[in-house]
Amino acid sequence: MKTLIIARHGNTFRKGETPTRVGSRTDLELVEEERGRGIGLYLKKLGLTPTRILAAPLKRTMRTAELAAEELGNPCPVVADARFIEVDYGPDENCTEEQVMDRLGRAAAAAAGQDPAALTPEQLQELGAAAIERWNARAEVPDGWKVDVPRIIANWRELAAEVAEGEVLLCVSSNGTIRFAPHITGDYEGFCAAHDIKVPTGGVCVFTSGDGSAWTCTEWGTKAFKQL
């Protein structure tokens, strides 16, 4: 049996703070340890001890992986792997969701031949929200974001192919990148139809493959810290 565990990093904004869309160009520290430690404790509860731990080379992902490893008794070192860094949100990097939806709404209106200035703020927000929904439902990249979809998919497939028989590999990444991981199952559209592909902070995803079979997702977006 081969096991690939994919987890999203912990929180980078405190309760009450206004979050922004943080991508690969913004390297924030974690503001709590609960979710990182929760990942490790949950994996221990499942009886899954990683033989390899990878993390995207950002403070939030590396620290989450380190916290999980600590709770697992530090079974192996955390290795930085740039293949699984967060996506680049382009002009929306570090912007609030309201700002993001306004810009995306204007872009959508212009693409449809409408004058954005003729639309109300509510109409622009609605158009922008629709673009975000398509991103969350089926990973359709919004206008202006710098996301190399074929490369990200290839990276996940490459990682899946690297997992050896009997190995348990943990990879800590981010929301924008993780949503492409289910491509390793061979049925991404079916997966999107059955799951919310937006993984929560501290969320755990588990894929297994046995006897040369295709990868199967046994857990997706499980809030580990709430399972303890």
Protein backbone atom coordinates (compact mmCIF):
# COMPACT_ATOMS: atom_id res chain seq x y z
CA MET A 1 0.00 0.00 0.00
CA LYS A 2 1.16 3.51 -0.87
CA THR A 3 -0.15 6.50 1.09
CA LEU A 4 0.03 10.16 0.11
CA ILE A 5 -1.16 12.68 2.71
CA ILE A 6 -1.66 16.28 1.66
CA ALA A 7 -2.34 18.96 4.29
CA ARG A 8 -3.01 22.67 4.15
CA HIS A 9 -1.05 25.01 6.40
CA GLY A 10 -2.52 26.63 9.52
CA ASN A 11 -3.92 30.13 9.99
CA THR A 12 -2.01 33.27 9.03
CA PHE A 13 -4.66 35.73 10.26
CA ARG A 14 -6.00 36.09 13.79
CA LYS A 15 -9.68 36.07 14.62
CA GLY A 16 -11.05 39.55 13.97
CA GLU A 17 -8.37 40.46 11.42
CA THR A 18 -9.39 41.09 7.83
CA PRO A 19 -7.83 38.30 5.75
CA THR A 20 -6.34 38.98 2.35
CA ARG A 21 -5.67 36.66 -0.57
CA VAL A 22 -2.15 35.47 0.20
CA GLY A 23 -0.19 33.74 -2.55
CA SER A 24 3.35 32.69 -3.33
CA ARG A 25 4.75 36.24 -3.11
CA THR A 26 3.63 36.80 0.48
CA ASP A 27 5.49 34.89 3.18
CA LEU A 28 3.46 35.15 6.38
CA GLU A 29 4.12 33.45 9.70
CA LEU A 30 1.50 31.26 11.35
CA VAL A 31 -0.52 33.00 14.06
CA GLU A 32 -1.41 29.75 15.86
CA GLU A 33 -0.06 26.22 16.30
CA GLU A 34 -3.32 24.32 16.85
CA ARG A 35 -3.86 23.28 13.24
CA GLY A 36 -0.28 22.19 12.58
CA ARG A 37 -0.15 20.15 15.77
CA GLY A 38 -3.64 18.86 15.02
CA ILE A 39 -2.41 17.41 11.74
CA GLY A 40 0.28 15.44 13.53
CA LEU A 41 -2.04 14.25 16.29
CA TYR A 42 -4.70 13.22 13.80
CA LEU A 43 -2.23 11.23 11.71
CA LYS A 44 -1.05 9.53 14.88
CA LYS A 45 -4.68 8.68 15.65
CA LEU A 46 -5.00 7.14 12.19
CA GLY A 47 -1.79 5.18 12.69
CA LEU A 48 -0.08 6.97 9.82
CA THR A 49 3.57 7.83 10.45
CA PRO A 50 5.21 9.62 7.50
CA THR A 51 8.41 8.20 6.11
CA ARG A 52 8.93 11.46 4.22
CA ILE A 53 7.68 14.99 4.90
CA LEU A 54 7.72 17.69 2.23
CA ALA A 55 6.53 21.28 2.49
CA ALA A 56 6.36 24.28 0.20
CA PRO A 57 9.21 26.72 0.98
CA LEU A 58 7.13 29.34 2.81
CA LYS A 59 7.07 30.07 6.54
CA ARG A 60 3.44 29.03 6.93
CA THR A 61 3.85 25.67 5.20
CA MET A 62 7.26 24.78 6.63
CA ARG A 63 6.19 25.62 10.18
CA THR A 64 2.95 23.66 9.85
CA ALA A 65 4.93 20.64 8.70
CA GLU A 66 7.39 21.07 11.57
CA LEU A 67 4.58 21.23 14.14
CA ALA A 68 2.97 18.10 12.69
CA ALA A 69 6.33 16.33 12.77
CA GLU A 70 6.85 17.30 16.42
CA GLU A 71 3.55 15.70 17.40
CA LEU A 72 4.50 12.60 15.43
CA GLY A 73 7.81 12.34 17.27
CA ASN A 74 9.84 13.87 14.43
CA PRO A 75 9.91 10.68 12.33
CA CYS A 76 11.89 12.36 9.54
CA PRO A 77 13.15 15.83 8.57
CA VAL A 78 10.93 18.36 6.81
CA VAL A 79 12.24 18.95 3.29
CA ALA A 80 11.35 22.11 1.35
CA ASP A 81 9.89 21.38 -2.09
CA ALA A 82 9.18 24.35 -4.35
CA ARG A 83 6.90 22.29 -6.60
CA PHE A 84 4.07 22.74 -4.12
CA ILE A 85 4.32 26.45 -3.38
CA GLU A 86 1.08 28.47 -3.42
CA VAL A 87 -0.17 29.98 -6.66
CA ASP A 88 0.44 33.63 -7.60
CA TYR A 89 -2.72 35.73 -7.31
CA GLY A 90 -1.32 38.41 -9.61
CA PRO A 91 -2.99 41.82 -9.10
CA ASP A 92 -5.11 40.38 -6.29
CA GLU A 93 -2.15 39.42 -4.07
CA ASN A 94 -2.72 40.76 -0.55
CA CYS A 95 -6.11 42.23 -1.45
CA THR A 96 -9.29 41.68 0.57
CA GLU A 97 -12.00 39.49 -0.94
CA GLU A 98 -14.16 42.57 -1.52
CA GLN A 99 -11.35 44.18 -3.51
CA VAL A 100 -10.71 40.95 -5.39
CA MET A 101 -14.36 40.54 -6.38
CA ASP A 102 -14.59 44.18 -7.48
CA ARG A 103 -11.57 43.80 -9.79
CA LEU A 104 -12.72 40.45 -11.14
CA GLY A 105 -16.20 41.88 -11.67
CA ARG A 106 -14.78 44.73 -13.72
CA ALA A 107 -12.70 42.29 -15.75
CA ALA A 108 -15.72 40.07 -16.37
CA ALA A 109 -17.86 43.00 -17.43
CA ALA A 110 -15.21 44.26 -19.85
CA ALA A 111 -14.78 40.76 -21.30
CA ALA A 112 -18.53 40.61 -21.92
CA GLY A 113 -18.45 43.96 -23.75
CA GLN A 114 -20.00 45.91 -20.88
CA ASP A 115 -18.82 49.17 -19.43
CA PRO A 116 -17.83 48.41 -15.81
CA ALA A 117 -18.53 52.05 -14.90
CA ALA A 118 -22.17 51.51 -15.86
CA LEU A 119 -22.60 48.73 -13.29
CA THR A 120 -23.39 49.15 -9.62
CA PRO A 121 -20.92 48.00 -6.96
CA GLU A 122 -23.35 45.18 -6.15
CA GLN A 123 -23.39 44.00 -9.77
CA LEU A 124 -19.60 44.06 -9.94
CA GLN A 125 -19.35 42.09 -6.70
CA GLU A 126 -21.80 39.53 -8.09
CA LEU A 127 -19.73 39.06 -11.24
CA GLY A 128 -16.56 38.77 -9.18
CA ALA A 129 -18.16 36.28 -6.79
CA ALA A 130 -19.12 34.13 -9.77
CA ALA A 131 -15.48 34.02 -10.88
CA ILE A 132 -14.38 32.96 -7.38
CA GLU A 133 -17.11 30.29 -7.31
CA ARG A 134 -15.82 28.81 -10.58
CA TRP A 135 -12.34 28.71 -9.02
CA ASN A 136 -13.68 26.95 -5.93
CA ALA A 137 -15.96 24.56 -7.81
CA ARG A 138 -13.71 23.39 -10.65
CA ALA A 139 -10.40 25.29 -10.38
CA GLU A 140 -11.15 27.63 -13.29
CA VAL A 141 -8.42 30.29 -12.97
CA PRO A 142 -9.75 33.86 -12.60
CA ASP A 143 -8.57 36.65 -14.89
CA GLY A 144 -5.08 37.95 -14.10
CA TRP A 145 -3.95 35.17 -11.75
CA LYS A 146 -0.62 33.54 -12.62
CA VAL A 147 -1.41 29.85 -12.32
CA ASP A 148 0.43 27.31 -14.47
CA VAL A 149 -2.26 24.64 -14.31
CA PRO A 150 -0.52 21.98 -16.48
CA ARG A 151 2.66 22.35 -14.42
CA ILE A 152 0.86 22.06 -11.08
CA ILE A 153 -1.04 18.97 -12.25
CA ALA A 154 2.20 17.44 -13.52
CA ASN A 155 3.86 18.13 -10.16
CA TRP A 156 1.14 16.26 -8.24
CA ARG A 157 1.28 13.35 -10.66
CA GLU A 158 5.05 13.32 -10.39
CA LEU A 159 4.85 13.24 -6.60
CA ALA A 160 2.31 10.41 -6.65
CA ALA A 161 4.63 8.43 -8.91
CA GLU A 162 7.49 8.96 -6.43
CA VAL A 163 5.67 7.28 -3.53
CA ALA A 164 7.17 3.85 -2.98
CA GLU A 165 5.32 0.72 -1.93
CA GLY A 166 4.83 0.83 1.83
CA GLU A 167 5.69 4.54 2.03
CA VAL A 168 3.63 7.18 3.83
CA LEU A 169 4.44 10.61 2.38
CA LEU A 170 3.15 13.87 3.88
CA CYS A 171 3.16 17.06 1.80
CA VAL A 172 2.10 20.40 3.30
CA SER A 173 0.96 22.95 0.74
CA SER A 174 -1.67 25.67 0.24
CA ASN A 175 -5.27 25.99 -0.86
CA GLY A 176 -4.69 27.17 -4.43
CA THR A 177 -2.22 24.39 -5.22
CA ILE A 178 -3.87 21.53 -3.31
CA ARG A 179 -7.11 21.81 -5.30
CA PHE A 180 -5.29 20.30 -8.29
CA ALA A 181 -4.03 17.24 -6.38
CA PRO A 182 -7.12 15.08 -7.15
CA HIS A 183 -5.93 14.87 -10.75
CA ILE A 184 -3.92 11.86 -9.52
CA THR A 185 -7.20 9.91 -9.26
CA GLY A 186 -7.76 10.12 -13.01
CA ASP A 187 -11.27 11.56 -12.64
CA TYR A 188 -10.93 15.21 -11.71
CA GLU A 189 -14.35 16.28 -12.97
CA GLY A 190 -16.02 13.53 -10.99
CA PHE A 191 -14.02 14.48 -7.92
CA CYS A 192 -15.05 18.15 -8.21
CA ALA A 193 -18.69 17.11 -8.56
CA ALA A 194 -18.50 15.15 -5.31
CA HIS A 195 -16.24 17.37 -3.18
CA ASP A 196 -15.63 20.96 -2.16
CA ILE A 197 -12.12 21.33 -3.56
CA LYS A 198 -11.31 24.26 -1.27
CA VAL A 199 -9.42 22.64 1.62
CA PRO A 200 -9.70 24.47 5.00
CA THR A 201 -6.65 25.58 6.98
CA GLY A 202 -5.25 22.57 8.81
CA GLY A 203 -7.26 20.29 6.52
CA VAL A 204 -5.98 16.79 5.78
CA CYS A 205 -6.39 14.80 2.57
CA VAL A 206 -5.44 11.13 2.28
CA PHE A 207 -4.87 9.19 -0.94
CA THR A 208 -4.00 5.49 -1.14
CA SER A 209 -2.95 3.10 -3.87
CA GLY A 210 -2.46 -0.64 -3.57
CA ASP A 211 -1.25 -3.36 -5.92
CA GLY A 212 -0.68 -0.91 -8.74
CA SER A 213 -4.24 0.38 -8.61
CA ALA A 214 -5.27 3.97 -9.25
CA TRP A 215 -5.07 6.48 -6.42
CA THR A 216 -8.20 6.68 -4.26
CA CYS A 217 -9.08 9.56 -1.96
CA THR A 218 -10.14 8.25 1.45
CA GLU A 219 -10.25 11.65 3.17
CA TRP A 220 -10.53 15.16 1.77
CA GLY A 221 -10.31 18.41 3.72
CA THR A 222 -10.77 16.77 7.12
CA LYS A 223 -10.40 19.41 9.85
CA ALA A 224 -7.86 17.39 11.83
CA PHE A 225 -7.84 19.60 14.93
CA LYS A 226 -11.61 19.08 15.30
CA GLN A 227 -11.31 15.29 15.14
CA LEU A 228 -9.27 14.97 18.32
